[in-house]
Amino acid sequence: MARSSLPRVAVGTVLRLGGDDWRSGRGLTQGADVVVVLANLTSADEEGWVWVCGHGPQCSYPHVESHAPCLEVLARVAALPADAP
């Protein structure tokens, strides 16, 4: 997926991903629902998928630049909110 074709989702958006909406995540239980407060999206090598980086809703430091995202998950583009106008 080309970088220009990434969905436009605002930083800070709360993404609720069902167990079938993602397939790879650091420290996550495969098939479980995941909630991520979006920090950024990056393209993946496979069409229809993006890397979602963000923080868990319980994170106390989501706006501290030196705090790396708590979560990184490979998610289906179709599971993300539609592009903003």
C-alpha atoms as a PDB file:
ATOM      1  CA  MET A   1       0.000   0.000   0.000  1.00  0.00           C
ATOM      2  CA  ALA A   2       1.476   3.312  -0.999  1.00  0.00           C
ATOM      3  CA  ARG A   3       2.012   5.864   1.740  1.00  0.00           C
ATOM      4  CA  SER A   4      -0.350   8.292   0.013  1.00  0.00           C
ATOM      5  CA  SER A   5      -3.160   5.740   0.197  1.00  0.00           C
ATOM      6  CA  LEU A   6      -3.081   5.450   3.980  1.00  0.00           C
ATOM      7  CA  PRO A   7      -6.466   6.153   5.528  1.00  0.00           C
ATOM      8  CA  ARG A   8      -6.772   9.565   7.151  1.00  0.00           C
ATOM      9  CA  VAL A   9      -7.491   8.858  10.791  1.00  0.00           C
ATOM     10  CA  ALA A  10      -6.851  11.562  13.373  1.00  0.00           C
ATOM     11  CA  VAL A  11      -4.204  11.050  16.018  1.00  0.00           C
ATOM     12  CA  GLY A  12      -5.963  10.336  19.304  1.00  0.00           C
ATOM     13  CA  THR A  13      -8.803   8.415  17.661  1.00  0.00           C
ATOM     14  CA  VAL A  14      -9.822   5.395  19.744  1.00  0.00           C
ATOM     15  CA  LEU A  15      -9.757   2.315  17.505  1.00  0.00           C
ATOM     16  CA  ARG A  16     -11.652  -0.770  18.578  1.00  0.00           C
ATOM     17  CA  LEU A  17     -10.329  -3.755  16.664  1.00  0.00           C
ATOM     18  CA  GLY A  18     -12.124  -7.072  16.822  1.00  0.00           C
ATOM     19  CA  GLY A  19     -10.112 -10.277  16.978  1.00  0.00           C
ATOM     20  CA  ASP A  20     -10.462 -10.765  13.197  1.00  0.00           C
ATOM     21  CA  ASP A  21      -9.427  -7.164  12.416  1.00  0.00           C
ATOM     22  CA  TRP A  22      -5.751  -7.642  13.226  1.00  0.00           C
ATOM     23  CA  ARG A  23      -3.214 -10.423  12.962  1.00  0.00           C
ATOM     24  CA  SER A  24       0.078  -9.397  14.484  1.00  0.00           C
ATOM     25  CA  GLY A  25       0.719  -7.439  17.607  1.00  0.00           C
ATOM     26  CA  ARG A  26       3.510  -7.092  20.097  1.00  0.00           C
ATOM     27  CA  GLY A  27       2.466  -8.549  23.457  1.00  0.00           C
ATOM     28  CA  LEU A  28      -1.149  -9.154  22.416  1.00  0.00           C
ATOM     29  CA  THR A  29      -3.239 -12.333  22.574  1.00  0.00           C
ATOM     30  CA  GLN A  30      -4.142 -13.416  19.043  1.00  0.00           C
ATOM     31  CA  GLY A  31      -7.891 -13.242  18.405  1.00  0.00           C
ATOM     32  CA  ALA A  32      -8.647 -10.912  21.322  1.00  0.00           C
ATOM     33  CA  ASP A  33     -10.316  -7.537  20.866  1.00  0.00           C
ATOM     34  CA  VAL A  34      -7.858  -4.625  21.057  1.00  0.00           C
ATOM     35  CA  VAL A  35      -8.436  -0.952  21.895  1.00  0.00           C
ATOM     36  CA  VAL A  36      -5.766   1.475  20.658  1.00  0.00           C
ATOM     37  CA  VAL A  37      -5.542   5.257  20.991  1.00  0.00           C
ATOM     38  CA  LEU A  38      -3.943   6.086  17.640  1.00  0.00           C
ATOM     39  CA  ALA A  39      -0.480   7.669  17.541  1.00  0.00           C
ATOM     40  CA  ASN A  40       0.262   6.953  13.857  1.00  0.00           C
ATOM     41  CA  LEU A  41      -0.333   4.678  10.882  1.00  0.00           C
ATOM     42  CA  THR A  42       2.329   3.286   8.588  1.00  0.00           C
ATOM     43  CA  SER A  43       2.020   1.243   5.452  1.00  0.00           C
ATOM     44  CA  ALA A  44       2.413  -2.510   5.503  1.00  0.00           C
ATOM     45  CA  ASP A  45       3.907  -4.727   2.811  1.00  0.00           C
ATOM     46  CA  GLU A  46       0.515  -6.262   2.097  1.00  0.00           C
ATOM     47  CA  GLU A  47      -2.408  -4.468   0.416  1.00  0.00           C
ATOM     48  CA  GLY A  48      -5.360  -3.852   2.732  1.00  0.00           C
ATOM     49  CA  TRP A  49      -3.291  -3.818   5.939  1.00  0.00           C
ATOM     50  CA  VAL A  50      -1.589  -1.040   7.937  1.00  0.00           C
ATOM     51  CA  TRP A  51       0.548  -0.872  11.036  1.00  0.00           C
ATOM     52  CA  VAL A  52      -1.316   0.898  13.830  1.00  0.00           C
ATOM     53  CA  CYS A  53       0.883   2.372  16.554  1.00  0.00           C
ATOM     54  CA  GLY A  54      -0.632   3.837  19.655  1.00  0.00           C
ATOM     55  CA  HIS A  55      -1.347   3.575  23.324  1.00  0.00           C
ATOM     56  CA  GLY A  56      -3.679   1.517  25.423  1.00  0.00           C
ATOM     57  CA  PRO A  57      -6.558   3.524  26.870  1.00  0.00           C
ATOM     58  CA  GLN A  58      -5.071   3.029  30.346  1.00  0.00           C
ATOM     59  CA  CYS A  59      -1.710   4.630  29.353  1.00  0.00           C
ATOM     60  CA  SER A  60      -0.877   7.674  31.481  1.00  0.00           C
ATOM     61  CA  TYR A  61       1.641   9.122  29.014  1.00  0.00           C
ATOM     62  CA  PRO A  62       0.118   9.120  25.502  1.00  0.00           C
ATOM     63  CA  HIS A  63       1.142  12.718  24.760  1.00  0.00           C
ATOM     64  CA  VAL A  64       4.735  12.553  25.981  1.00  0.00           C
ATOM     65  CA  GLU A  65       6.935  12.502  22.857  1.00  0.00           C
ATOM     66  CA  SER A  66       9.698  10.459  24.474  1.00  0.00           C
ATOM     67  CA  HIS A  67       7.195   7.733  25.444  1.00  0.00           C
ATOM     68  CA  ALA A  68       7.164   5.135  22.693  1.00  0.00           C
ATOM     69  CA  PRO A  69       3.760   3.763  21.646  1.00  0.00           C
ATOM     70  CA  CYS A  70       2.558   0.976  23.932  1.00  0.00           C
ATOM     71  CA  LEU A  71       0.958  -0.993  21.100  1.00  0.00           C
ATOM     72  CA  GLU A  72       1.819  -1.860  17.529  1.00  0.00           C
ATOM     73  CA  VAL A  73      -0.626  -3.984  15.599  1.00  0.00           C
ATOM     74  CA  LEU A  74      -1.062  -5.007  11.958  1.00  0.00           C
ATOM     75  CA  ALA A  75      -4.687  -4.154  11.210  1.00  0.00           C
ATOM     76  CA  ARG A  76      -7.114  -4.380   8.318  1.00  0.00           C
ATOM     77  CA  VAL A  77      -7.706  -1.047   6.617  1.00  0.00           C
ATOM     78  CA  ALA A  78     -11.407  -1.963   6.439  1.00  0.00           C
ATOM     79  CA  ALA A  79     -11.544  -2.015  10.269  1.00  0.00           C
ATOM     80  CA  LEU A  80     -10.511   1.642  10.511  1.00  0.00           C
ATOM     81  CA  PRO A  81     -12.924   4.581  10.381  1.00  0.00           C
ATOM     82  CA  ALA A  82     -13.593   6.009   6.932  1.00  0.00           C
ATOM     83  CA  ASP A  83     -11.344   8.833   5.729  1.00  0.00           C
ATOM     84  CA  ALA A  84     -12.136  12.223   7.149  1.00  0.00           C
ATOM     85  CA  PRO A  85     -13.339  14.848   4.644  1.00  0.00           C
END
